[in-house]
Structures are given as structure tokens and as C-alpha cells.
């Protein structure tokens, strides 16, 4: 009997619909060739949802996500919504979705593709053979801590947020990182700011205590400012990086540029159970939306992560990843990756090349 999976698609804003269209074509092709089927449910989220319903995450969208086997998101956000109250902006819809689905673990792999090694702003000898994974806690920390707000008193304005973690919140994300380190090179670096932050000292204490359960994993600790420097100085020293929400948000974007373009990197957000959320780490790029200039590679690689991690369709995931490698090795590039001697393509044409590589 053919396996069938329910996938909620969230094309979102900006370039989102364009890159989602490419990913959907490839998912249709790879599922057909690997003997399973995908049933899609396209739902609004972000700015398009605000325009249609007044809310960035309508309840109907949330329910569709909860009912799915996996959720695939393209991109959300646009400057036109920046004047709205924070809770009504597109980004609040994403925070709400992560929280409602219990997605506490964000995985961001950074692996240098040989064909793109010269696209990076760093020297070849610095980034060659880099293969690291950022494991970011996603539903706690300063983005969700209370109290938070803005008050006026005695002629001055004060704004504040709270960075807070419970010990069990740290334990569950640390367990994910240790388990992944076991399957990789066995090195885990936990990033904190324990020299000045009480919350980071608890983080370090909990991670250190858990290390006893994983004797094959080499654990190290690094302050976040040093980690930011080491990521561009000697990124090969890292295998798995474990971070809190805020630190991971910053470091994962920095790590993304090791690859030469933020348009190349996928991510997965997972909970203890239920559907995972898979999305490229780049934004909605409203400046190029609708111009057929978007790079669909990270969207396609996010679809591959969904197949492997969310649906356990490893062979199909590998087929998508191999198609990306083949197209890049053949010298095809979108504008963000363009270099001398390569052939520049738009989003749709890149999708056609990927389909051809998948079939070949």
C-alpha cells in the first residue's frame, strides 16, 4: 500500500509563493518516483493572512497545521506591516505557530557545497569541509519571557524583556543536541554567557550534568561573543552548536554566510510529538518579489529536510539534495550566487533545471 502524507503549505509573503511553487513541483516528482504520495493543504499565514483576515495566524491555518504530518513554510513578512502593533505583525504569527505546535528545537545545518566554496566572503582554506549544525532552543528565552513591555515614568521611557529558562526546558533541548552529536562527529559546543547572566549559568549547569549520560560526546562550553568570532575564524572546529533562543537566532544567521548565501540553507523546527515545521532561513525578500529572481535552493533543501526528518523518506530526500548538487556543479546560479563563468537563471528556470537533474 502506498504511503500518503498530509502536508500543510504556507507560501506566505514576498518571494514565498515563487519558491514554494518550485518546491512543490519537485516534491510531486520525487514522491511519484519513490512510491509515496503527498496531499497538500495550502493555507494563508503572515501578511497575506493579515490582508485576508486581519490576523497573521488565522485559527483555520493553525488547525490545518496541527492536522498535518508536516508543515512547509516559505517566507513571511514585509515592511508594509511594520507599523502594526507587534502582536499583529507577520512575525508574531510565526512565533504563535511555533508555540502552538510545541516546536522547541530548531535545527540549522551549515554544510559547504564544493561548487559554491568561492561564493563565500571567507577564504577557501577557512571554510573548506565545514559541516556544522546549530541546535537552537525555540520557545523560551527572551523572546517569550515575561514580564516584558514599555513604560513611561518621570519623563523617561523604559522598555524591558526577560530572559528566562526552566531547568527542564534546557534539558529537553540539550538532549536533542547530545543525540544529534552521537550521530555526527561526537562534538558538542554549548554556547552561553555564564560569566554575566544567571540564566546562562543555569544553562551551563544543566548541560554539564547531562553530559554524563553521553560519554562518547566531547562537550565544550563557549561564551557567545567568542563563539561569534570563532565561527568566522575557525568554523571547522564546530560539529554541533547548542544555543538558547536569542544567541541561536544571531549565530545561525552568521553561520549561514559561511556558505556564501543565506539563500542556500534550510531549517527544521521540531517538538516532542506532532508535525515539524520546515522552512528556509532567509526572509521574504520583498525587494525582488514577483521578479523571478529568487533563489529556490533553500526552499528545496527545506523540502528535503521535511522528507528525511518529518516523513522518514530518506531516499527521496537524498534525491532532492543530489539534484541541487548536480545543478550547481553544472554551473547554474541565481543572481545571489552568480560568479564568472556561470549561467544565471531565474527562479522558474532554476526549478526546471532541478527537475531535469532529479529525472536524470
Protein backbone atom coordinates (compact mmCIF):
# COMPACT_ATOMS: atom_id res chain seq x y z
CA UNK A 1 0.00 0.00 0.00
CA UNK A 2 1.33 3.44 -0.98
CA UNK A 3 2.07 5.75 1.94
CA UNK A 4 0.28 9.08 1.87
CA UNK A 5 1.21 12.18 3.87
CA UNK A 6 -0.71 15.38 4.58
CA UNK A 7 1.42 18.49 4.07
CA UNK A 8 0.24 21.97 5.01
CA UNK A 9 1.89 24.52 2.72
CA UNK A 10 2.36 28.11 3.90
CA UNK A 11 3.63 30.12 0.88
CA UNK A 12 3.44 33.37 2.85
CA UNK A 13 4.73 36.69 1.57
CA UNK A 14 7.26 38.22 -0.82
CA UNK A 15 9.16 35.56 -2.75
CA UNK A 16 7.40 32.83 -0.77
CA UNK A 17 4.85 31.80 -3.41
CA UNK A 18 7.56 31.67 -6.12
CA UNK A 19 9.95 29.40 -4.24
CA UNK A 20 7.10 27.27 -2.88
CA UNK A 21 5.93 26.60 -6.44
CA UNK A 22 9.37 25.22 -7.30
CA UNK A 23 9.49 23.07 -4.17
CA UNK A 24 6.02 21.67 -4.84
CA UNK A 25 6.97 20.66 -8.40
CA UNK A 26 10.00 18.80 -7.10
CA UNK A 27 8.07 17.17 -4.26
CA UNK A 28 5.48 15.91 -6.74
CA UNK A 29 8.21 14.42 -8.92
CA UNK A 30 10.25 12.82 -6.15
CA UNK A 31 7.24 11.39 -4.32
CA UNK A 32 5.99 9.81 -7.54
CA UNK A 33 9.37 8.24 -8.30
CA UNK A 34 9.80 6.94 -4.73
CA UNK A 35 6.38 5.37 -4.28
CA UNK A 36 4.53 7.65 -1.88
CA UNK A 37 2.01 10.46 -2.26
CA UNK A 38 1.66 13.93 -0.77
CA UNK A 39 -1.68 15.64 -0.17
CA UNK A 40 -1.34 19.41 0.11
CA UNK A 41 -3.40 21.91 2.06
CA UNK A 42 -2.41 25.48 1.14
CA UNK A 43 -3.11 27.99 3.92
CA UNK A 44 -2.53 31.74 4.43
CA UNK A 45 -0.05 32.99 7.01
CA UNK A 46 1.79 36.25 7.57
CA UNK A 47 0.99 39.35 5.57
CA UNK A 48 -1.37 37.57 3.17
CA UNK A 49 -3.33 36.32 6.16
CA UNK A 50 -3.44 39.82 7.67
CA UNK A 51 -4.81 41.16 4.40
CA UNK A 52 -7.44 38.42 4.21
CA UNK A 53 -8.46 38.02 7.86
CA UNK A 54 -6.78 40.71 9.93
CA UNK A 55 -4.65 38.10 11.73
CA UNK A 56 -1.15 36.79 10.92
CA UNK A 57 -2.10 33.26 12.01
CA UNK A 58 -5.80 32.53 11.47
CA UNK A 59 -7.26 29.72 13.55
CA UNK A 60 -8.09 27.77 10.39
CA UNK A 61 -4.42 27.84 9.39
CA UNK A 62 -3.32 26.71 12.84
CA UNK A 63 -5.79 23.83 12.84
CA UNK A 64 -4.62 22.74 9.39
CA UNK A 65 -1.02 22.72 10.65
CA UNK A 66 -1.96 20.64 13.70
CA UNK A 67 -3.72 18.09 11.48
CA UNK A 68 -0.79 17.71 9.07
CA UNK A 69 2.07 15.22 9.02
CA UNK A 70 4.45 18.11 8.30
CA UNK A 71 4.30 21.85 7.64
CA UNK A 72 6.32 23.54 4.90
CA UNK A 73 6.72 27.32 5.17
CA UNK A 74 8.30 29.58 2.54
CA UNK A 75 8.67 33.10 3.99
CA UNK A 76 6.68 35.78 5.78
CA UNK A 77 6.93 39.50 6.41
CA UNK A 78 7.00 42.83 4.61
CA UNK A 79 7.90 46.40 5.62
CA UNK A 80 4.31 47.47 4.99
CA UNK A 81 3.28 45.73 8.23
CA UNK A 82 5.99 47.28 10.43
CA UNK A 83 3.64 50.00 11.67
CA UNK A 84 1.18 47.47 13.11
CA UNK A 85 1.22 46.63 16.82
CA UNK A 86 3.83 43.93 17.41
CA UNK A 87 1.28 41.20 18.15
CA UNK A 88 -0.42 41.83 14.81
CA UNK A 89 2.70 41.65 12.61
CA UNK A 90 3.51 38.64 10.39
CA UNK A 91 6.41 37.57 12.62
CA UNK A 92 4.05 37.18 15.57
CA UNK A 93 2.17 34.59 13.57
CA UNK A 94 5.34 32.54 13.25
CA UNK A 95 6.05 32.80 16.97
CA UNK A 96 2.47 31.75 17.65
CA UNK A 97 2.74 28.75 15.33
CA UNK A 98 5.96 27.55 16.95
CA UNK A 99 4.42 27.88 20.39
CA UNK A 100 1.10 26.21 19.48
CA UNK A 101 2.86 23.24 17.88
CA UNK A 102 5.35 22.95 20.75
CA UNK A 103 8.31 23.36 18.40
CA UNK A 104 11.11 23.85 20.89
CA UNK A 105 14.08 22.61 18.79
CA UNK A 106 15.33 24.44 15.72
CA UNK A 107 17.93 22.67 13.58
CA UNK A 108 20.01 24.69 11.11
CA UNK A 109 22.63 22.72 9.18
CA UNK A 110 25.50 24.57 7.51
CA UNK A 111 27.48 22.49 5.03
CA UNK A 112 29.82 23.90 2.42
CA UNK A 113 28.87 22.81 -1.10
CA UNK A 114 32.10 22.39 -3.11
CA UNK A 115 30.67 24.14 -6.17
CA UNK A 116 29.93 27.24 -4.07
CA UNK A 117 33.08 27.46 -1.99
CA UNK A 118 34.23 30.60 -3.78
CA UNK A 119 30.85 32.30 -3.23
CA UNK A 120 31.67 32.79 0.45
CA UNK A 121 33.24 36.04 1.60
CA UNK A 122 35.68 33.97 3.67
CA UNK A 123 38.84 32.37 2.32
CA UNK A 124 38.61 28.88 0.88
CA UNK A 125 41.08 27.48 3.42
CA UNK A 126 38.87 28.73 6.28
CA UNK A 127 35.58 27.20 5.16
CA UNK A 128 36.63 24.10 3.22
CA UNK A 129 34.93 20.97 4.64
CA UNK A 130 32.79 22.93 7.13
CA UNK A 131 29.82 20.80 8.23
CA UNK A 132 28.12 22.05 11.37
CA UNK A 133 24.66 22.04 12.91
CA UNK A 134 23.15 24.78 15.06
CA UNK A 135 20.60 23.47 17.57
CA UNK A 136 18.62 26.44 18.84
CA UNK A 137 16.05 26.45 21.64
CA UNK A 138 12.95 27.98 20.09
CA UNK A 139 10.10 28.55 22.54
CA UNK A 140 11.77 30.04 25.61
CA UNK A 141 14.27 32.71 26.47
CA UNK A 142 13.99 36.43 25.93
CA UNK A 143 11.50 36.21 23.03
CA UNK A 144 8.88 34.61 25.25
CA UNK A 145 9.88 35.64 28.78
CA UNK A 146 7.69 37.79 30.98
CA UNK A 147 7.39 40.47 32.18
CA UNK A 148 8.01 42.50 29.07
CA UNK A 149 6.83 45.87 27.95
CA UNK A 150 7.36 49.60 27.79
CA UNK A 151 6.51 52.15 30.48
CA UNK A 152 6.82 55.87 30.99
CA UNK A 153 7.75 57.34 34.37
CA UNK A 154 9.16 60.67 35.49
CA UNK A 155 9.64 61.88 31.96
CA UNK A 156 11.60 58.83 30.82
CA UNK A 157 10.64 55.79 28.72
CA UNK A 158 11.82 52.35 29.80
CA UNK A 159 11.48 49.12 27.76
CA UNK A 160 12.25 45.67 29.10
CA UNK A 161 12.25 41.97 28.27
CA UNK A 162 13.01 38.92 30.40
CA UNK A 163 15.43 36.14 29.51
CA UNK A 164 14.28 33.11 31.49
CA UNK A 165 14.54 29.32 31.29
CA UNK A 166 13.32 26.46 33.45
CA UNK A 167 15.73 23.59 34.01
CA UNK A 168 13.51 21.13 32.11
CA UNK A 169 13.36 23.46 29.10
CA UNK A 170 17.15 23.40 28.97
CA UNK A 171 17.25 19.64 29.49
CA UNK A 172 14.96 18.83 26.56
CA UNK A 173 16.90 20.93 24.02
CA UNK A 174 20.23 19.67 25.39
CA UNK A 175 19.02 16.08 24.90
CA UNK A 176 18.26 16.83 21.25
CA UNK A 177 21.75 18.27 20.76
CA UNK A 178 23.51 15.37 22.50
CA UNK A 179 21.54 12.81 20.49
CA UNK A 180 22.46 14.54 17.25
CA UNK A 181 26.12 14.79 18.27
CA UNK A 182 26.15 11.00 18.76
CA UNK A 183 25.08 10.54 15.12
CA UNK A 184 27.66 13.01 13.81
CA UNK A 185 31.28 13.60 14.86
CA UNK A 186 30.62 13.41 18.59
CA UNK A 187 31.47 17.02 19.44
CA UNK A 188 29.04 19.38 21.14
CA UNK A 189 29.75 23.02 21.96
CA UNK A 190 27.22 24.71 24.25
CA UNK A 191 27.08 28.50 23.85
CA UNK A 192 26.14 30.78 26.74
CA UNK A 193 27.11 33.94 28.62
CA UNK A 194 27.53 32.32 32.02
CA UNK A 195 30.10 34.88 33.17
CA UNK A 196 27.42 37.59 33.47
CA UNK A 197 23.95 36.01 33.14
CA UNK A 198 22.31 33.87 35.82
CA UNK A 199 20.11 32.23 33.20
CA UNK A 200 23.23 31.21 31.28
CA UNK A 201 24.79 29.74 34.42
CA UNK A 202 21.74 27.50 34.83
CA UNK A 203 22.06 26.61 31.14
CA UNK A 204 25.69 25.59 31.61
CA UNK A 205 24.95 23.63 34.81
CA UNK A 206 22.16 21.60 33.17
CA UNK A 207 24.13 20.84 30.01
CA UNK A 208 27.17 19.79 32.03
CA UNK A 209 25.07 17.46 34.18
CA UNK A 210 23.56 15.78 31.10
CA UNK A 211 27.00 15.08 29.62
CA UNK A 212 27.39 12.13 31.98
CA UNK A 213 24.68 10.31 30.01
CA UNK A 214 26.65 10.69 26.75
CA UNK A 215 30.21 9.50 27.40
CA UNK A 216 31.03 9.33 23.68
CA UNK A 217 30.27 13.04 23.16
CA UNK A 218 33.02 15.59 23.75
CA UNK A 219 31.33 18.59 25.44
CA UNK A 220 32.77 22.10 25.47
CA UNK A 221 31.38 25.46 26.54
CA UNK A 222 31.93 28.81 24.86
CA UNK A 223 30.79 32.34 25.61
CA UNK A 224 28.57 33.72 22.87
CA UNK A 225 30.86 36.62 21.94
CA UNK A 226 33.78 34.23 21.47
CA UNK A 227 31.56 31.84 19.50
CA UNK A 228 30.64 34.66 17.12
CA UNK A 229 34.34 35.29 16.50
CA UNK A 230 35.29 31.61 16.20
CA UNK A 231 32.56 30.97 13.61
CA UNK A 232 34.42 33.15 11.13
CA UNK A 233 37.94 32.45 12.41
CA UNK A 234 37.87 28.65 12.53
CA UNK A 235 34.41 27.22 11.77
CA UNK A 236 35.74 23.67 11.23
CA UNK A 237 36.22 23.31 14.99
CA UNK A 238 32.43 23.03 15.39
CA UNK A 239 30.21 20.00 14.89
CA UNK A 240 27.01 20.64 16.89
CA UNK A 241 26.39 24.07 18.44
CA UNK A 242 23.77 24.23 21.21
CA UNK A 243 22.27 27.64 21.91
CA UNK A 244 19.45 29.48 23.61
CA UNK A 245 16.82 31.26 21.53
CA UNK A 246 18.42 34.70 21.17
CA UNK A 247 22.00 33.51 20.77
CA UNK A 248 20.95 30.90 18.22
CA UNK A 249 18.98 33.42 16.22
CA UNK A 250 22.11 35.53 15.78
CA UNK A 251 24.75 32.81 15.42
CA UNK A 252 22.79 30.74 12.91
CA UNK A 253 22.48 33.71 10.55
CA UNK A 254 26.20 34.35 10.92
CA UNK A 255 26.93 30.69 10.23
CA UNK A 256 24.68 30.86 7.18
CA UNK A 257 27.05 33.25 5.46
CA UNK A 258 29.84 30.68 5.60
CA UNK A 259 28.05 29.06 2.67
CA UNK A 260 28.11 32.23 0.59
CA UNK A 261 24.39 32.93 0.61
CA UNK A 262 21.59 32.77 3.13
CA UNK A 263 19.54 31.54 0.16
CA UNK A 264 21.10 28.07 0.43
CA UNK A 265 20.20 26.98 3.95
CA UNK A 266 17.19 25.03 5.24
CA UNK A 267 15.91 24.58 8.77
CA UNK A 268 13.64 22.30 10.78
CA UNK A 269 11.67 23.11 13.92
CA UNK A 270 10.60 20.08 15.94
CA UNK A 271 8.64 19.26 19.06
CA UNK A 272 8.30 16.18 21.23
CA UNK A 273 5.46 14.96 19.02
CA UNK A 274 3.25 16.16 16.19
CA UNK A 275 4.21 17.79 12.90
CA UNK A 276 7.50 19.57 12.37
CA UNK A 277 7.88 22.91 10.62
CA UNK A 278 10.37 23.13 7.75
CA UNK A 279 11.46 26.44 6.22
CA UNK A 280 14.39 28.22 4.59
CA UNK A 281 16.18 30.55 6.97
CA UNK A 282 16.04 33.54 4.64
CA UNK A 283 13.35 36.19 4.70
CA UNK A 284 10.64 37.15 2.24
CA UNK A 285 12.88 39.49 0.15
CA UNK A 286 10.08 41.88 -0.83
CA UNK A 287 12.53 43.90 -2.94
CA UNK A 288 12.71 41.11 -5.53
CA UNK A 289 9.26 39.56 -5.07
CA UNK A 290 7.43 38.80 -8.30
CA UNK A 291 10.53 39.40 -10.45
CA UNK A 292 11.59 35.76 -10.91
CA UNK A 293 14.93 36.50 -9.22
CA UNK A 294 14.56 34.41 -6.06
CA UNK A 295 16.89 31.54 -5.20
CA UNK A 296 14.68 28.47 -4.56
CA UNK A 297 17.52 26.24 -3.32
CA UNK A 298 16.95 26.69 0.42
CA UNK A 299 13.24 26.03 -0.10
CA UNK A 300 14.04 22.81 -1.97
CA UNK A 301 16.54 21.75 0.70
CA UNK A 302 13.92 22.50 3.37
CA UNK A 303 11.57 20.17 1.50
CA UNK A 304 14.35 17.57 1.59
CA UNK A 305 14.69 18.03 5.36
CA UNK A 306 10.94 17.57 5.64
CA UNK A 307 11.15 14.30 3.72
CA UNK A 308 14.04 12.97 5.80
CA UNK A 309 13.25 14.25 9.29
CA UNK A 310 9.49 14.67 9.16
CA UNK A 311 8.38 11.79 6.93
CA UNK A 312 11.34 9.35 7.16
CA UNK A 313 11.66 9.28 3.37
CA UNK A 314 15.44 9.30 3.33
CA UNK A 315 15.99 8.17 -0.26
CA UNK A 316 13.68 10.85 -1.62
CA UNK A 317 15.43 13.49 0.48
CA UNK A 318 18.81 12.40 -0.86
CA UNK A 319 17.46 12.62 -4.42
CA UNK A 320 16.48 16.27 -3.92
CA UNK A 321 19.83 17.12 -2.35
CA UNK A 322 21.69 15.39 -5.17
CA UNK A 323 19.68 17.35 -7.74
CA UNK A 324 20.77 20.60 -6.08
CA UNK A 325 24.41 19.48 -6.11
CA UNK A 326 24.22 18.49 -9.80
CA UNK A 327 22.71 21.79 -10.92
CA UNK A 328 25.28 23.82 -9.03
CA UNK A 329 28.14 21.64 -10.28
CA UNK A 330 26.91 22.27 -13.84
CA UNK A 331 27.41 25.99 -13.29
CA UNK A 332 23.83 27.22 -12.95
CA UNK A 333 23.28 30.06 -10.48
CA UNK A 334 20.64 32.52 -9.33
CA UNK A 335 21.73 36.12 -9.02
CA UNK A 336 22.74 35.92 -5.35
CA UNK A 337 25.29 33.21 -6.18
CA UNK A 338 26.44 34.42 -9.59
CA UNK A 339 30.13 34.25 -10.39
CA UNK A 340 32.28 34.42 -13.52
CA UNK A 341 31.84 31.54 -15.92
CA UNK A 342 28.43 30.51 -14.57
CA UNK A 343 24.98 30.70 -16.17
CA UNK A 344 22.45 32.93 -14.41
CA UNK A 345 18.88 31.71 -14.14
CA UNK A 346 15.68 33.00 -12.66
CA UNK A 347 13.63 31.13 -10.07
CA UNK A 348 11.41 29.26 -12.53
CA UNK A 349 14.27 28.28 -14.83
CA UNK A 350 16.26 27.04 -11.86
CA UNK A 351 13.27 24.91 -10.94
CA UNK A 352 13.29 23.39 -14.44
CA UNK A 353 16.99 22.58 -14.13
CA UNK A 354 16.38 20.92 -10.76
CA UNK A 355 13.56 18.84 -12.24
CA UNK A 356 15.85 17.74 -15.05
CA UNK A 357 18.62 16.81 -12.60
CA UNK A 358 16.12 14.88 -10.49
CA UNK A 359 14.94 12.90 -13.52
CA UNK A 360 18.49 12.30 -14.71
